[in-house]
C-alpha atoms as a PDB file:
ATOM      1  CA  MET A   1      -2.259   2.943  11.773  1.00  0.00           C
ATOM      2  CA  SER A   2       1.381   2.189  12.659  1.00  0.00           C
ATOM      3  CA  THR A   3       3.064  -1.053  11.692  1.00  0.00           C
ATOM      4  CA  ALA A   4       2.984  -2.153  15.346  1.00  0.00           C
ATOM      5  CA  GLN A   5      -0.794  -1.503  15.358  1.00  0.00           C
ATOM      6  CA  HIS A   6      -1.108  -3.475  12.123  1.00  0.00           C
ATOM      7  CA  LEU A   7       0.759  -6.324  13.806  1.00  0.00           C
ATOM      8  CA  ALA A   8      -1.622  -6.230  16.783  1.00  0.00           C
ATOM      9  CA  ALA A   9      -4.609  -6.411  14.400  1.00  0.00           C
ATOM     10  CA  THR A  10      -2.963  -9.307  12.572  1.00  0.00           C
ATOM     11  CA  ASN A  11      -2.398 -11.090  15.878  1.00  0.00           C
ATOM     12  CA  ALA A  12      -6.114 -10.808  16.672  1.00  0.00           C
ATOM     13  CA  ALA A  13      -7.090 -12.159  13.242  1.00  0.00           C
ATOM     14  CA  PHE A  14      -4.515 -14.961  13.468  1.00  0.00           C
ATOM     15  CA  ALA A  15      -5.705 -15.954  16.946  1.00  0.00           C
ATOM     16  CA  LYS A  16      -9.312 -16.093  15.783  1.00  0.00           C
ATOM     17  CA  VAL A  17      -8.430 -18.370  12.880  1.00  0.00           C
ATOM     18  CA  VAL A  18      -6.302 -20.684  15.042  1.00  0.00           C
ATOM     19  CA  ALA A  19      -9.095 -20.881  17.622  1.00  0.00           C
ATOM     20  CA  GLY A  20     -11.426 -22.076  14.858  1.00  0.00           C
ATOM     21  CA  ILE A  21      -9.210 -24.996  13.808  1.00  0.00           C
ATOM     22  CA  ARG A  22     -10.630 -28.353  14.840  1.00  0.00           C
ATOM     23  CA  PRO A  23      -8.285 -31.204  15.846  1.00  0.00           C
ATOM     24  CA  ASP A  24      -9.495 -33.259  12.862  1.00  0.00           C
ATOM     25  CA  GLN A  25      -8.220 -30.495  10.520  1.00  0.00           C
ATOM     26  CA  LEU A  26      -4.560 -30.629  11.603  1.00  0.00           C
ATOM     27  CA  ASP A  27      -3.611 -32.942   8.718  1.00  0.00           C
ATOM     28  CA  SER A  28      -5.437 -30.829   6.106  1.00  0.00           C
ATOM     29  CA  PRO A  29      -3.390 -29.369   3.232  1.00  0.00           C
ATOM     30  CA  THR A  30      -2.740 -25.631   3.115  1.00  0.00           C
ATOM     31  CA  PRO A  31      -2.049 -23.214   0.240  1.00  0.00           C
ATOM     32  CA  CYS A  32       1.566 -23.308   1.456  1.00  0.00           C
ATOM     33  CA  ALA A  33       2.288 -26.550  -0.425  1.00  0.00           C
ATOM     34  CA  GLU A  34       5.028 -27.903   1.835  1.00  0.00           C
ATOM     35  CA  PHE A  35       2.893 -27.662   4.978  1.00  0.00           C
ATOM     36  CA  ASP A  36      -0.303 -29.190   6.247  1.00  0.00           C
ATOM     37  CA  VAL A  37      -2.118 -27.293   9.036  1.00  0.00           C
ATOM     38  CA  ARG A  38      -0.105 -28.922  11.841  1.00  0.00           C
ATOM     39  CA  ALA A  39       3.231 -28.336  10.056  1.00  0.00           C
ATOM     40  CA  LEU A  40       2.357 -24.699   9.349  1.00  0.00           C
ATOM     41  CA  GLY A  41       1.716 -24.225  13.071  1.00  0.00           C
ATOM     42  CA  ALA A  42       5.057 -25.924  13.786  1.00  0.00           C
ATOM     43  CA  HIS A  43       6.698 -23.504  11.327  1.00  0.00           C
ATOM     44  CA  VAL A  44       5.266 -20.564  13.299  1.00  0.00           C
ATOM     45  CA  LEU A  45       6.512 -22.132  16.533  1.00  0.00           C
ATOM     46  CA  ARG A  46       9.970 -22.856  15.100  1.00  0.00           C
ATOM     47  CA  TYR A  47      10.706 -19.390  13.711  1.00  0.00           C
ATOM     48  CA  GLY A  48       8.697 -17.346  16.200  1.00  0.00           C
ATOM     49  CA  PRO A  49      11.446 -17.111  18.829  1.00  0.00           C
ATOM     50  CA  ALA A  50      13.963 -15.746  16.286  1.00  0.00           C
ATOM     51  CA  LEU A  51      11.471 -13.139  15.110  1.00  0.00           C
ATOM     52  CA  GLU A  52      10.605 -12.332  18.715  1.00  0.00           C
ATOM     53  CA  GLY A  53      14.290 -12.053  19.682  1.00  0.00           C
ATOM     54  CA  ALA A  54      14.954  -9.715  16.779  1.00  0.00           C
ATOM     55  CA  ALA A  55      12.590  -7.185  18.331  1.00  0.00           C
ATOM     56  CA  SER A  56      14.739  -6.926  21.455  1.00  0.00           C
ATOM     57  CA  LYS A  57      17.989  -7.106  19.468  1.00  0.00           C
ATOM     58  CA  GLY A  58      18.775 -10.197  21.542  1.00  0.00           C
ATOM     59  CA  ALA A  59      19.461 -13.805  20.893  1.00  0.00           C
ATOM     60  CA  SER A  60      16.549 -16.105  20.408  1.00  0.00           C
ATOM     61  CA  THR A  61      16.064 -19.505  21.905  1.00  0.00           C
ATOM     62  CA  PRO A  62      14.615 -22.352  19.893  1.00  0.00           C
ATOM     63  CA  ALA A  63      10.978 -23.075  20.533  1.00  0.00           C
ATOM     64  CA  GLN A  64      10.373 -26.018  22.792  1.00  0.00           C
ATOM     65  CA  PRO A  65       7.184 -28.004  22.416  1.00  0.00           C
ATOM     66  CA  GLY A  66       4.850 -27.195  25.265  1.00  0.00           C
ATOM     67  CA  ASP A  67       2.389 -29.344  27.085  1.00  0.00           C
ATOM     68  CA  GLY A  68      -0.622 -27.336  26.000  1.00  0.00           C
ATOM     69  CA  PRO A  69      -2.946 -27.882  23.075  1.00  0.00           C
ATOM     70  CA  TRP A  70      -1.502 -27.100  19.629  1.00  0.00           C
ATOM     71  CA  ALA A  71      -3.698 -24.038  19.074  1.00  0.00           C
ATOM     72  CA  ASP A  72      -2.792 -22.554  22.452  1.00  0.00           C
ATOM     73  CA  GLU A  73       0.941 -22.897  21.736  1.00  0.00           C
ATOM     74  CA  VAL A  74       0.646 -21.267  18.304  1.00  0.00           C
ATOM     75  CA  ARG A  75      -1.508 -18.396  19.606  1.00  0.00           C
ATOM     76  CA  ALA A  76       0.880 -17.836  22.526  1.00  0.00           C
ATOM     77  CA  GLN A  77       3.909 -17.651  20.208  1.00  0.00           C
ATOM     78  CA  VAL A  78       2.217 -15.155  17.900  1.00  0.00           C
ATOM     79  CA  GLU A  79       1.182 -13.113  20.953  1.00  0.00           C
ATOM     80  CA  ARG A  80       4.742 -13.084  22.346  1.00  0.00           C
ATOM     81  CA  CYS A  81       6.161 -11.984  19.013  1.00  0.00           C
ATOM     82  CA  THR A  82       3.493  -9.299  18.605  1.00  0.00           C
ATOM     83  CA  SER A  83       4.186  -8.006  22.121  1.00  0.00           C
ATOM     84  CA  ALA A  84       7.920  -7.884  21.443  1.00  0.00           C
ATOM     85  CA  TRP A  85       7.358  -5.775  18.307  1.00  0.00           C
ATOM     86  CA  ALA A  86       4.920  -3.414  20.105  1.00  0.00           C
ATOM     87  CA  SER A  87       7.837  -1.411  21.486  1.00  0.00           C
ATOM     88  CA  PRO A  88       8.917   1.550  19.303  1.00  0.00           C
ATOM     89  CA  GLU A  89      12.548   0.613  20.026  1.00  0.00           C
ATOM     90  CA  ALA A  90      12.016  -2.726  18.266  1.00  0.00           C
ATOM     91  CA  TRP A  91      11.664  -0.847  14.967  1.00  0.00           C
ATOM     92  CA  GLU A  92      14.898   1.136  15.357  1.00  0.00           C
ATOM     93  CA  GLY A  93      18.389   0.337  14.121  1.00  0.00           C
ATOM     94  CA  VAL A  94      19.535  -3.070  12.976  1.00  0.00           C
ATOM     95  CA  THR A  95      18.999  -6.522  14.383  1.00  0.00           C
ATOM     96  CA  THR A  96      19.359 -10.178  13.509  1.00  0.00           C
ATOM     97  CA  MET A  97      17.209 -13.253  13.630  1.00  0.00           C
ATOM     98  CA  GLY A  98      19.882 -15.193  15.478  1.00  0.00           C
ATOM     99  CA  GLY A  99      22.286 -15.324  12.547  1.00  0.00           C
ATOM    100  CA  PRO A 100      25.395 -13.283  11.840  1.00  0.00           C
ATOM    101  CA  ASP A 101      23.878 -10.957   9.243  1.00  0.00           C
ATOM    102  CA  PRO A 102      22.362  -7.749  10.624  1.00  0.00           C
ATOM    103  CA  LEU A 103      19.305  -6.378   8.844  1.00  0.00           C
ATOM    104  CA  PRO A 104      17.305  -3.176   9.350  1.00  0.00           C
ATOM    105  CA  ALA A 105      14.862  -3.748  12.198  1.00  0.00           C
ATOM    106  CA  PRO A 106      11.922  -2.352  10.180  1.00  0.00           C
ATOM    107  CA  LEU A 107      12.610  -4.948   7.480  1.00  0.00           C
ATOM    108  CA  ILE A 108      12.354  -7.797   9.991  1.00  0.00           C
ATOM    109  CA  GLY A 109       9.336  -6.259  11.735  1.00  0.00           C
ATOM    110  CA  ASN A 110       7.539  -5.986   8.419  1.00  0.00           C
ATOM    111  CA  MET A 111       8.572  -9.566   7.644  1.00  0.00           C
ATOM    112  CA  VAL A 112       6.763 -10.622  10.834  1.00  0.00           C
ATOM    113  CA  LEU A 113       3.685  -8.705   9.730  1.00  0.00           C
ATOM    114  CA  CYS A 114       3.676 -10.256   6.258  1.00  0.00           C
ATOM    115  CA  GLU A 115       4.339 -13.737   7.647  1.00  0.00           C
ATOM    116  CA  TYR A 116       1.384 -13.591  10.019  1.00  0.00           C
ATOM    117  CA  VAL A 117      -1.047 -12.102   7.485  1.00  0.00           C
ATOM    118  CA  VAL A 118      -0.209 -14.705   4.839  1.00  0.00           C
ATOM    119  CA  HIS A 119      -0.194 -17.633   7.265  1.00  0.00           C
ATOM    120  CA  ALA A 120      -3.475 -16.513   8.849  1.00  0.00           C
ATOM    121  CA  TRP A 121      -4.969 -16.632   5.358  1.00  0.00           C
ATOM    122  CA  ASP A 122      -3.310 -20.024   4.693  1.00  0.00           C
ATOM    123  CA  LEU A 123      -4.788 -21.519   7.859  1.00  0.00           C
ATOM    124  CA  ALA A 124      -8.199 -19.961   7.298  1.00  0.00           C
ATOM    125  CA  ARG A 125      -8.383 -21.198   3.721  1.00  0.00           C
ATOM    126  CA  ALA A 126      -7.204 -24.697   4.730  1.00  0.00           C
ATOM    127  CA  THR A 127      -9.881 -24.999   7.401  1.00  0.00           C
ATOM    128  CA  GLY A 128     -12.856 -23.406   5.644  1.00  0.00           C
ATOM    129  CA  GLN A 129     -12.728 -20.136   7.566  1.00  0.00           C
ATOM    130  CA  GLU A 130     -12.585 -16.496   6.550  1.00  0.00           C
ATOM    131  CA  VAL A 131      -9.826 -14.318   7.934  1.00  0.00           C
ATOM    132  CA  GLU A 132     -10.927 -10.813   8.864  1.00  0.00           C
ATOM    133  CA  LEU A 133      -8.249  -8.296   7.872  1.00  0.00           C
ATOM    134  CA  ASP A 134      -8.573  -4.523   8.002  1.00  0.00           C
ATOM    135  CA  PRO A 135      -8.326  -2.993   4.489  1.00  0.00           C
ATOM    136  CA  ASP A 136      -5.633  -0.551   5.688  1.00  0.00           C
ATOM    137  CA  LEU A 137      -3.613  -3.498   6.995  1.00  0.00           C
ATOM    138  CA  VAL A 138      -4.004  -5.386   3.702  1.00  0.00           C
ATOM    139  CA  ALA A 139      -2.895  -2.304   1.741  1.00  0.00           C
ATOM    140  CA  ALA A 140       0.163  -1.857   3.974  1.00  0.00           C
ATOM    141  CA  VAL A 141       1.206  -5.510   3.646  1.00  0.00           C
ATOM    142  CA  HIS A 142       0.660  -5.395  -0.108  1.00  0.00           C
ATOM    143  CA  ALA A 143       2.903  -2.327  -0.385  1.00  0.00           C
ATOM    144  CA  GLU A 144       5.562  -4.073   1.695  1.00  0.00           C
ATOM    145  CA  LEU A 145       5.434  -7.207  -0.455  1.00  0.00           C
ATOM    146  CA  VAL A 146       5.670  -5.175  -3.666  1.00  0.00           C
ATOM    147  CA  ARG A 147       8.946  -3.895  -2.260  1.00  0.00           C
ATOM    148  CA  THR A 148      10.326  -7.073  -0.641  1.00  0.00           C
ATOM    149  CA  ALA A 149       8.812 -10.149  -2.336  1.00  0.00           C
ATOM    150  CA  PRO A 150      11.623 -10.429  -4.917  1.00  0.00           C
ATOM    151  CA  MET A 151      14.184 -10.606  -2.089  1.00  0.00           C
ATOM    152  CA  GLY A 152      11.938 -13.097  -0.276  1.00  0.00           C
ATOM    153  CA  ARG A 153      11.868 -15.293  -3.376  1.00  0.00           C
ATOM    154  CA  GLU A 154      15.683 -15.129  -3.649  1.00  0.00           C
ATOM    155  CA  ARG A 155      15.951 -16.332  -0.049  1.00  0.00           C
ATOM    156  CA  GLY A 156      13.390 -19.101  -0.515  1.00  0.00           C
ATOM    157  CA  ALA A 157      10.716 -17.518   1.679  1.00  0.00           C
ATOM    158  CA  PHE A 158       8.196 -17.371  -1.178  1.00  0.00           C
ATOM    159  CA  GLY A 159       7.502 -19.532  -4.162  1.00  0.00           C
ATOM    160  CA  PRO A 160       7.083 -18.074  -7.631  1.00  0.00           C
ATOM    161  CA  GLU A 161       4.644 -15.197  -7.881  1.00  0.00           C
ATOM    162  CA  ALA A 162       1.136 -16.489  -8.629  1.00  0.00           C
ATOM    163  CA  PRO A 163      -0.562 -14.748 -11.548  1.00  0.00           C
ATOM    164  CA  VAL A 164      -3.294 -12.411 -10.336  1.00  0.00           C
ATOM    165  CA  PRO A 165      -5.083  -9.797 -12.476  1.00  0.00           C
ATOM    166  CA  HIS A 166      -3.806  -6.259 -11.862  1.00  0.00           C
ATOM    167  CA  ASP A 167      -7.363  -5.137 -11.017  1.00  0.00           C
ATOM    168  CA  ALA A 168      -7.978  -7.970  -8.508  1.00  0.00           C
ATOM    169  CA  PRO A 169      -8.714  -7.087  -4.875  1.00  0.00           C
ATOM    170  CA  VAL A 170      -5.649  -5.980  -2.925  1.00  0.00           C
ATOM    171  CA  LEU A 171      -5.689  -9.120  -0.759  1.00  0.00           C
ATOM    172  CA  ASP A 172      -5.572 -11.297  -3.883  1.00  0.00           C
ATOM    173  CA  ARG A 173      -2.632  -9.306  -5.264  1.00  0.00           C
ATOM    174  CA  LEU A 174      -0.851  -9.562  -1.901  1.00  0.00           C
ATOM    175  CA  LEU A 175      -1.353 -13.337  -1.907  1.00  0.00           C
ATOM    176  CA  GLY A 176      -0.084 -13.604  -5.479  1.00  0.00           C
ATOM    177  CA  LEU A 177       3.101 -11.761  -4.493  1.00  0.00           C
ATOM    178  CA  ALA A 178       3.543 -14.277  -1.672  1.00  0.00           C
ATOM    179  CA  GLY A 179       3.236 -17.150  -4.131  1.00  0.00           C
ATOM    180  CA  ARG A 180      -0.341 -18.050  -3.221  1.00  0.00           C
ATOM    181  CA  ASP A 181      -3.253 -18.660  -5.569  1.00  0.00           C
ATOM    182  CA  PRO A 182      -6.104 -16.621  -4.036  1.00  0.00           C
ATOM    183  CA  ARG A 183      -8.594 -19.128  -5.503  1.00  0.00           C
ATOM    184  CA  TRP A 184      -6.950 -22.106  -3.723  1.00  0.00           C
ATOM    185  CA  THR A 185      -9.331 -24.489  -1.999  1.00  0.00           C
ATOM    186  CA  ALA A 186      -8.644 -27.618   0.011  1.00  0.00           C
END
């Protein structure tokens, strides 16, 4: 499975979780300590356009709140970003996320993948759902986080690594690298 295919599978899992969030759960805490469910969705909406724009090597425009229901806006942003990264050209060369520093496009594309896998799990856990992730996808994201989580921590994208046994399931180890406690409950 290519990274673009992994991203499409993540989009489907993310959309399913978001569709299962009830309006009364929007103020629920998430494993991402600084965000409740609503704020985590707002985070996806805020940074989605920059991640989407990086795929086309173009400038992004800030997300504007829509008139639709919260879940529809979040799903639509994830879908737009996934569609932008479906093109093989998105993964070539260098790009930016709207800032002056160019980065390898595959690094940003994989960042999108990791972001959506971890936040799908965050939202599922916060709202009492299970997120369905393909084992090949989980293994690929884990391998990417082994490589990039230290840089993510330096840039403030992840909190400290959560201790997880070395023989824990791959998803648990992935979550630990992203600063999540796999045993977290609301």
